[in-house]
C-alpha atoms as a PDB file:
ATOM      1  CA  UNK A   1       8.511  24.579  22.880  1.00  0.00           C
ATOM      2  CA  UNK A   2       4.759  24.654  23.309  1.00  0.00           C
ATOM      3  CA  UNK A   3       4.103  23.895  19.644  1.00  0.00           C
ATOM      4  CA  UNK A   4       6.440  20.892  19.757  1.00  0.00           C
ATOM      5  CA  UNK A   5       4.535  19.411  22.665  1.00  0.00           C
ATOM      6  CA  UNK A   6       1.154  19.939  20.972  1.00  0.00           C
ATOM      7  CA  UNK A   7       2.155  17.906  17.916  1.00  0.00           C
ATOM      8  CA  UNK A   8       4.347  15.358  19.716  1.00  0.00           C
ATOM      9  CA  UNK A   9       1.725  12.613  19.656  1.00  0.00           C
ATOM     10  CA  UNK A  10       0.662  13.139  16.042  1.00  0.00           C
ATOM     11  CA  UNK A  11       3.786  11.687  14.442  1.00  0.00           C
ATOM     12  CA  UNK A  12       3.670   8.627  16.662  1.00  0.00           C
ATOM     13  CA  UNK A  13       0.008   8.034  15.832  1.00  0.00           C
ATOM     14  CA  UNK A  14       0.631   8.495  12.107  1.00  0.00           C
ATOM     15  CA  UNK A  15       3.545   6.075  12.190  1.00  0.00           C
ATOM     16  CA  UNK A  16       1.586   3.424  14.079  1.00  0.00           C
ATOM     17  CA  UNK A  17      -1.360   3.813  11.683  1.00  0.00           C
ATOM     18  CA  UNK A  18       0.959   3.605   8.704  1.00  0.00           C
ATOM     19  CA  UNK A  19       2.714   0.610  10.217  1.00  0.00           C
ATOM     20  CA  UNK A  20      -0.643  -1.125  10.829  1.00  0.00           C
ATOM     21  CA  UNK A  21      -1.742  -0.435   7.255  1.00  0.00           C
ATOM     22  CA  UNK A  22       1.568  -1.738   5.935  1.00  0.00           C
ATOM     23  CA  UNK A  23       1.211  -4.871   8.047  1.00  0.00           C
ATOM     24  CA  UNK A  24      -2.319  -5.494   6.754  1.00  0.00           C
ATOM     25  CA  UNK A  25      -1.084  -5.050   3.196  1.00  0.00           C
ATOM     26  CA  UNK A  26       1.805  -7.451   3.828  1.00  0.00           C
ATOM     27  CA  UNK A  27      -0.517 -10.068   5.377  1.00  0.00           C
ATOM     28  CA  UNK A  28      -2.935  -9.797   2.443  1.00  0.00           C
ATOM     29  CA  UNK A  29      -0.070 -10.246  -0.015  1.00  0.00           C
ATOM     30  CA  UNK A  30       1.266 -13.206   1.947  1.00  0.00           C
ATOM     31  CA  UNK A  31      -2.175 -14.856   2.042  1.00  0.00           C
ATOM     32  CA  UNK A  32      -2.477 -14.384  -1.727  1.00  0.00           C
ATOM     33  CA  UNK A  33       0.979 -15.870  -2.300  1.00  0.00           C
ATOM     34  CA  UNK A  34       0.371 -18.909  -0.087  1.00  0.00           C
ATOM     35  CA  UNK A  35      -2.997 -19.575  -1.754  1.00  0.00           C
ATOM     36  CA  UNK A  36      -1.423 -19.246  -5.187  1.00  0.00           C
ATOM     37  CA  UNK A  37       1.479 -21.565  -4.355  1.00  0.00           C
ATOM     38  CA  UNK A  38      -0.816 -24.141  -2.780  1.00  0.00           C
ATOM     39  CA  UNK A  39      -3.204 -24.150  -5.718  1.00  0.00           C
ATOM     40  CA  UNK A  40      -0.383 -24.412  -8.249  1.00  0.00           C
ATOM     41  CA  UNK A  41       1.234 -27.232  -6.267  1.00  0.00           C
ATOM     42  CA  UNK A  42      -1.788 -29.324  -7.208  1.00  0.00           C
ATOM     43  CA  UNK A  43      -0.719 -29.137 -10.848  1.00  0.00           C
ATOM     44  CA  UNK A  44       2.590 -30.812 -10.016  1.00  0.00           C
ATOM     45  CA  UNK A  45       0.957 -33.795  -8.334  1.00  0.00           C
ATOM     46  CA  UNK A  46       0.483 -37.138 -10.010  1.00  0.00           C
ATOM     47  CA  UNK A  47      -2.978 -38.578 -10.528  1.00  0.00           C
ATOM     48  CA  UNK A  48      -2.316 -41.047  -7.689  1.00  0.00           C
ATOM     49  CA  UNK A  49      -1.376 -38.232  -5.311  1.00  0.00           C
ATOM     50  CA  UNK A  50      -4.479 -36.303  -6.272  1.00  0.00           C
ATOM     51  CA  UNK A  51      -6.600 -39.410  -5.729  1.00  0.00           C
ATOM     52  CA  UNK A  52      -5.052 -39.752  -2.252  1.00  0.00           C
ATOM     53  CA  UNK A  53      -6.375 -36.315  -1.288  1.00  0.00           C
ATOM     54  CA  UNK A  54      -9.698 -36.981  -2.975  1.00  0.00           C
ATOM     55  CA  UNK A  55      -9.664 -34.776  -6.068  1.00  0.00           C
ATOM     56  CA  UNK A  56      -9.399 -35.428  -9.779  1.00  0.00           C
ATOM     57  CA  UNK A  57      -6.985 -33.873 -12.276  1.00  0.00           C
ATOM     58  CA  UNK A  58      -9.814 -31.729 -13.636  1.00  0.00           C
ATOM     59  CA  UNK A  59     -10.696 -30.438 -10.160  1.00  0.00           C
ATOM     60  CA  UNK A  60      -7.020 -29.610  -9.524  1.00  0.00           C
ATOM     61  CA  UNK A  61      -6.823 -27.643 -12.767  1.00  0.00           C
ATOM     62  CA  UNK A  62     -10.014 -25.774 -11.928  1.00  0.00           C
ATOM     63  CA  UNK A  63      -8.679 -24.977  -8.455  1.00  0.00           C
ATOM     64  CA  UNK A  64      -5.393 -23.661  -9.866  1.00  0.00           C
ATOM     65  CA  UNK A  65      -7.292 -21.263 -12.144  1.00  0.00           C
ATOM     66  CA  UNK A  66      -9.283 -19.673  -9.329  1.00  0.00           C
ATOM     67  CA  UNK A  67      -8.642 -16.069  -8.456  1.00  0.00           C
ATOM     68  CA  UNK A  68      -7.388 -14.857  -5.079  1.00  0.00           C
ATOM     69  CA  UNK A  69     -10.853 -13.754  -4.024  1.00  0.00           C
ATOM     70  CA  UNK A  70     -12.387 -17.168  -4.595  1.00  0.00           C
ATOM     71  CA  UNK A  71     -12.532 -19.317  -1.457  1.00  0.00           C
END
């Protein structure tokens, strides 16, 4: 019994740490996906739509080619 009580908190801490790490990984993936979708949505816009938001076709293409780490 004594050994069970000594290690009782360890599993809970490991699970919460693992859960936090998994959540951070999920949020990073989601941020990447949203950025990617948003940048690629520019490619589907017409020149008039791009002009409405103040960018050219060339700027939209350059934006769509950026990597995830580029802000």
